[in-house]
Protein backbone atom coordinates (compact mmCIF):
# COMPACT_ATOMS: atom_id res chain seq x y z
CA MET A 1 92.91 44.89 138.92
CA GLY A 2 94.19 44.55 135.50
CA TYR A 3 94.13 48.06 133.19
CA PRO A 4 94.36 47.91 128.73
CA VAL A 5 96.73 49.59 127.01
CA GLY A 6 94.84 52.58 126.01
CA LYS A 7 94.38 53.85 129.66
CA VAL A 8 97.87 52.68 130.36
CA ALA A 9 98.83 55.28 127.53
CA ALA A 10 96.47 57.88 129.36
CA LEU A 11 97.71 58.00 132.37
CA SER A 12 101.37 57.52 131.46
CA GLY A 13 100.93 59.94 128.44
CA VAL A 14 103.13 57.61 126.16
CA THR A 15 101.14 56.31 123.25
CA VAL A 16 99.68 52.92 122.78
CA ARG A 17 102.17 52.25 119.80
CA THR A 18 105.59 53.23 122.49
CA LEU A 19 103.82 50.93 124.79
CA HIS A 20 103.79 47.37 122.00
CA HIS A 21 107.09 48.70 121.21
CA TYR A 22 108.33 48.07 124.76
CA ASP A 23 105.98 44.74 124.80
CA GLU A 24 108.19 43.31 121.92
CA ILE A 25 111.42 44.00 123.18
CA GLY A 26 110.91 42.72 126.30
CA LEU A 27 111.62 46.56 128.29
CA LEU A 28 107.68 46.30 129.37
CA SER A 29 105.21 42.76 128.35
CA PRO A 30 101.22 43.34 130.28
CA SER A 31 101.28 40.89 133.24
CA GLY A 32 98.35 39.47 131.45
CA ARG A 33 95.62 39.27 128.58
CA THR A 34 92.06 39.38 128.89
CA ALA A 35 89.55 36.91 127.61
CA ALA A 36 90.07 38.22 124.11
CA GLY A 37 93.73 38.30 124.46
CA TYR A 38 94.29 42.23 124.66
CA ARG A 39 96.79 43.37 126.55
CA SER A 40 96.50 43.69 130.43
CA TYR A 41 98.71 45.95 132.62
CA SER A 42 98.99 45.26 136.58
CA ASP A 43 100.12 47.68 139.43
CA ASP A 44 103.67 46.43 139.03
CA ASP A 45 103.68 46.96 135.38
CA LEU A 46 102.77 50.42 136.13
CA GLU A 47 105.58 50.67 138.74
CA ARG A 48 108.13 49.12 135.77
CA LEU A 49 106.78 51.90 133.32
CA GLN A 50 106.92 54.64 135.62
CA ARG A 51 110.92 53.80 135.94
CA VAL A 52 111.26 53.25 132.44
CA LEU A 53 110.13 56.38 131.41
CA PHE A 54 112.24 58.17 134.43
CA TYR A 55 115.14 56.93 133.26
CA ARG A 56 114.62 57.53 129.71
CA GLU A 57 113.61 61.57 130.62
CA LEU A 58 117.47 61.06 131.92
CA GLY A 59 118.72 60.52 128.43
CA MET A 60 119.27 56.70 128.55
CA GLY A 61 118.88 54.21 125.96
CA LEU A 62 116.54 51.18 126.04
CA GLU A 63 119.19 48.44 126.01
CA THR A 64 120.68 50.56 129.59
CA ILE A 65 117.50 50.82 131.23
CA ALA A 66 116.28 47.18 130.48
CA LYS A 67 120.03 46.38 132.12
CA VAL A 68 119.63 48.78 135.17
CA ILE A 69 116.03 47.89 136.01
CA ASP A 70 116.91 44.09 135.92
CA ASP A 71 120.00 44.65 137.82
CA PRO A 72 119.00 41.50 140.27
CA GLY A 73 121.52 42.86 143.36
CA VAL A 74 119.47 46.66 143.36
CA ASP A 75 116.10 46.65 145.17
CA ALA A 76 113.18 48.99 144.83
CA LEU A 77 114.92 51.01 147.61
CA GLU A 78 117.82 51.27 145.94
CA HIS A 79 116.57 51.91 142.34
CA LEU A 80 115.20 55.38 144.65
CA ARG A 81 118.45 56.13 145.55
CA ARG A 82 120.12 55.73 141.98
CA GLN A 83 116.98 58.07 140.90
CA ARG A 84 117.69 60.39 143.51
CA GLY A 85 121.05 60.64 142.49
CA LEU A 86 120.71 60.57 139.21
CA LEU A 87 118.11 63.67 139.63
CA VAL A 88 120.86 65.69 141.59
CA GLU A 89 123.20 65.19 138.57
CA ARG A 90 120.32 66.86 136.38
CA ILE A 91 119.49 69.37 138.77
CA GLY A 92 122.94 70.63 138.63
CA GLU A 93 123.56 70.22 134.90
CA LEU A 94 120.41 72.07 134.78
CA THR A 95 121.65 74.81 136.88
CA ARG A 96 124.73 75.40 135.00
CA MET A 97 122.83 75.55 132.10
CA VAL A 98 120.53 77.95 133.56
CA GLU A 99 123.54 80.37 134.68
CA SER A 100 125.05 80.13 130.98
CA VAL A 101 122.16 81.46 130.03
CA ASP A 102 122.34 83.94 132.42
CA ARG A 103 125.43 85.05 131.22
CA VAL A 104 124.27 84.86 127.69
CA ILE A 105 121.52 87.25 128.72
CA THR A 106 123.37 90.07 130.70
CA ALA A 107 126.01 90.30 128.29
CA LYS A 108 123.20 90.52 125.87
CA GLU A 109 121.20 93.45 127.95
CA LEU A 110 125.11 95.50 128.36
CA GLY A 111 125.65 95.47 124.64
CA ASN A 112 121.66 96.79 124.69
CA ALA A 113 122.37 99.26 127.11
CA LEU A 114 122.95 102.07 124.67
CA THR A 115 120.62 103.05 122.16
CA PRO A 116 122.49 102.82 118.76
CA GLU A 117 122.86 105.96 118.67
CA GLU A 118 124.81 106.09 121.64
CA ARG A 119 126.73 103.50 120.73
CA PHE A 120 127.55 105.48 117.51
CA GLU A 121 128.74 108.68 119.18
CA VAL A 122 130.94 106.38 121.98
CA PHE A 123 132.08 104.08 119.09
CA GLY A 124 131.75 105.38 116.22
CA GLY A 125 131.50 102.33 113.51
CA PHE A 126 133.39 99.67 115.62
CA ARG A 127 130.53 96.98 116.01
CA GLU A 128 131.25 93.59 118.00
CA PRO A 129 131.07 90.58 115.67
CA GLU A 130 127.64 89.17 115.41
CA GLY A 131 127.33 85.97 118.13
CA TYR A 132 130.25 87.52 119.68
CA ALA A 133 128.93 88.20 123.26
CA GLU A 134 127.26 84.26 123.17
CA GLU A 135 131.41 82.96 122.19
CA ALA A 136 132.49 84.93 124.86
CA VAL A 137 130.32 83.19 127.49
CA ARG A 138 130.80 80.12 126.38
CA ARG A 139 134.88 80.35 126.26
CA TRP A 140 134.78 82.55 129.44
CA GLY A 141 131.89 82.85 131.34
CA GLU A 142 132.74 79.80 134.23
CA THR A 143 135.79 82.11 135.00
CA PRO A 144 135.74 84.19 138.57
CA GLN A 145 137.20 86.89 136.13
CA TRP A 146 133.85 86.96 133.99
CA ARG A 147 131.81 86.76 137.26
CA ALA A 148 133.50 89.88 138.94
CA ALA A 149 133.35 91.68 135.62
CA VAL A 150 132.20 95.59 136.14
CA VAL A 151 130.63 97.22 133.04
CA PRO A 152 130.42 100.71 132.27
CA LEU A 153 125.65 101.22 132.62
CA SER A 154 125.65 104.78 131.28
CA LYS A 155 126.98 106.87 128.15
CA GLU A 156 129.01 108.78 130.26
CA ASP A 157 130.70 105.78 131.61
CA TRP A 158 130.99 103.79 128.41
CA ILE A 159 132.70 107.68 126.96
CA GLU A 160 135.13 107.68 129.56
CA ALA A 161 136.13 104.46 129.09
CA GLU A 162 136.22 104.69 125.14
CA LYS A 163 138.59 107.94 125.92
CA SER A 164 140.88 106.18 128.19
CA ARG A 165 141.46 103.53 125.73
CA GLU A 166 142.17 106.15 122.77
CA ASP A 167 144.62 107.69 124.80
CA TRP A 168 146.17 104.31 125.64
CA VAL A 169 146.81 103.10 122.19
CA ARG A 170 148.09 106.71 121.24
CA ARG A 171 150.49 106.16 123.21
CA LEU A 172 151.16 102.40 122.43
CA LEU A 173 151.31 103.51 118.36
CA ASP A 174 153.47 105.88 119.61
CA VAL A 175 155.95 103.78 120.96
CA PHE A 176 155.80 101.34 118.77
CA ASP A 177 156.22 103.48 115.65
CA SER A 178 159.20 104.94 117.24
CA GLY A 179 160.89 101.31 116.66
CA GLU A 180 161.04 100.79 121.17
CA PRO A 181 161.14 97.46 121.46
CA ALA A 182 158.72 95.16 123.41
CA ASP A 183 160.99 94.87 126.23
CA GLY A 184 161.58 98.30 126.31
CA ALA A 185 160.85 100.35 129.19
CA ALA A 186 158.30 102.47 127.25
CA ALA A 187 156.40 99.20 125.91
CA MET A 188 156.47 97.43 129.52
CA ASP A 189 155.37 100.77 130.85
CA LEU A 190 152.35 100.40 128.60
CA ALA A 191 152.11 97.39 129.38
CA GLU A 192 151.10 97.58 133.30
CA GLU A 193 149.07 100.59 132.22
CA HIS A 194 147.16 97.96 130.49
CA ARG A 195 147.33 95.56 133.07
CA GLY A 196 145.66 98.27 135.50
CA MET A 197 142.65 99.08 132.96
CA LEU A 198 141.94 95.29 133.02
CA ALA A 199 142.19 94.64 136.53
CA ALA A 200 139.73 97.80 136.72
CA PHE A 201 137.12 96.32 134.74
CA MET A 202 137.66 92.17 136.24
CA GLY A 203 138.25 93.30 139.60
CA GLU A 204 141.68 91.83 139.74
CA CYS A 205 144.19 90.76 137.10
CA ASP A 206 147.23 88.95 137.59
CA PHE A 207 150.42 88.94 135.17
CA VAL A 208 149.38 85.33 134.76
CA THR A 209 146.22 85.58 133.03
CA HIS A 210 147.28 88.96 131.40
CA ARG A 211 149.95 86.79 129.51
CA HIS A 212 147.03 84.66 128.24
CA LEU A 213 144.75 87.20 127.18
CA ALA A 214 147.62 89.10 125.23
CA GLU A 215 148.24 85.71 122.86
CA LEU A 216 144.79 86.46 121.96
CA TYR A 217 145.69 89.73 120.55
CA ALA A 218 148.66 88.08 118.62
CA THR A 219 146.65 85.10 117.92
CA GLU A 220 142.96 86.38 117.63
CA THR A 221 142.00 90.02 114.98
CA VAL A 222 138.77 89.90 116.81
CA GLN A 223 140.23 89.95 120.22
CA LEU A 224 142.94 92.60 118.71
CA GLY A 225 139.72 95.02 117.77
CA PHE A 226 138.60 94.93 120.87
CA LEU A 227 141.69 97.36 122.36
CA VAL A 228 143.19 98.49 118.84
CA ARG A 229 140.34 99.17 116.02
CA GLU A 230 141.29 98.13 112.49
CA PRO A 231 142.32 101.54 111.10
CA ASP A 232 144.86 101.56 114.00
CA GLN A 233 146.35 98.48 113.66
CA ARG A 234 149.87 97.87 112.07
CA PRO A 235 151.39 94.50 110.98
CA GLY A 236 152.37 92.77 113.99
CA LEU A 237 151.21 94.75 117.03
CA GLY A 238 148.87 91.98 118.29
CA GLU A 239 152.79 90.07 118.75
CA TYR A 240 154.34 93.48 120.00
CA ILE A 241 151.11 93.76 122.82
CA ARG A 242 151.61 90.25 123.84
CA ASP A 243 155.38 90.53 124.27
CA ALA A 244 155.55 93.62 126.03
CA VAL A 245 152.97 91.74 128.30
CA ASP A 246 155.39 89.18 128.86
CA ALA A 247 158.39 91.55 129.24
CA ASN A 248 156.71 92.93 131.90
CA ALA A 249 155.34 90.09 133.56
CA ASP A 250 159.33 88.75 133.41
CA ARG A 251 160.62 92.02 135.02
CA ALA A 252 157.69 91.68 138.26
CA GLY A 253 159.18 87.86 138.47
CA LYS A 254 155.74 86.81 137.48
């Protein structure tokens, strides 16, 4: 049975122009012609078209598709196995994409857990930078610490967490302003307390992770701003926190 090009276009969902192009480049040439000279596609041609469209859907270029389909060492069953393998890979990619979107949604929902009035009550004028939630998910969304993080949900929980942060920062600034070195006992004790604060949030914060996070305070002002608000910051404070964290880890032999 022969199928005219219009019928094939309707069955496959591609345009007649696309089918003509596939014919012109030799990717899918109809097996026959009608008496009037029009293209006529066989069942085998439709099967080939199905494979072309499958690989196209996976993002393959037409030249690559032609090589795959025309490989004399690959029979129909092997094509199916190859398609299945590619589908499994694609499922994995889509699953990871969905998980990433879910993490962004969660981050957004957590950010909107408080009303504007409650956010002002808890954080004053502090606001996280626009797009920070998406950037955080991109950088750390795959880490076990991100997955295990327990974020306060109620206004009362946020107020308590903010009080703890403010108290820690107040004592940090007292030590910093006094001239205490970063590897002094007071600074290292504060670093260890900070590690405990992070562990309560992340589920676990080992010394290596703590070192990595502290490095961000020294190199990224945005990260420092989450811990020490801009009005309380001092020149060199980020580096001081990093150095205290490193010294504390060294003290523990980590």
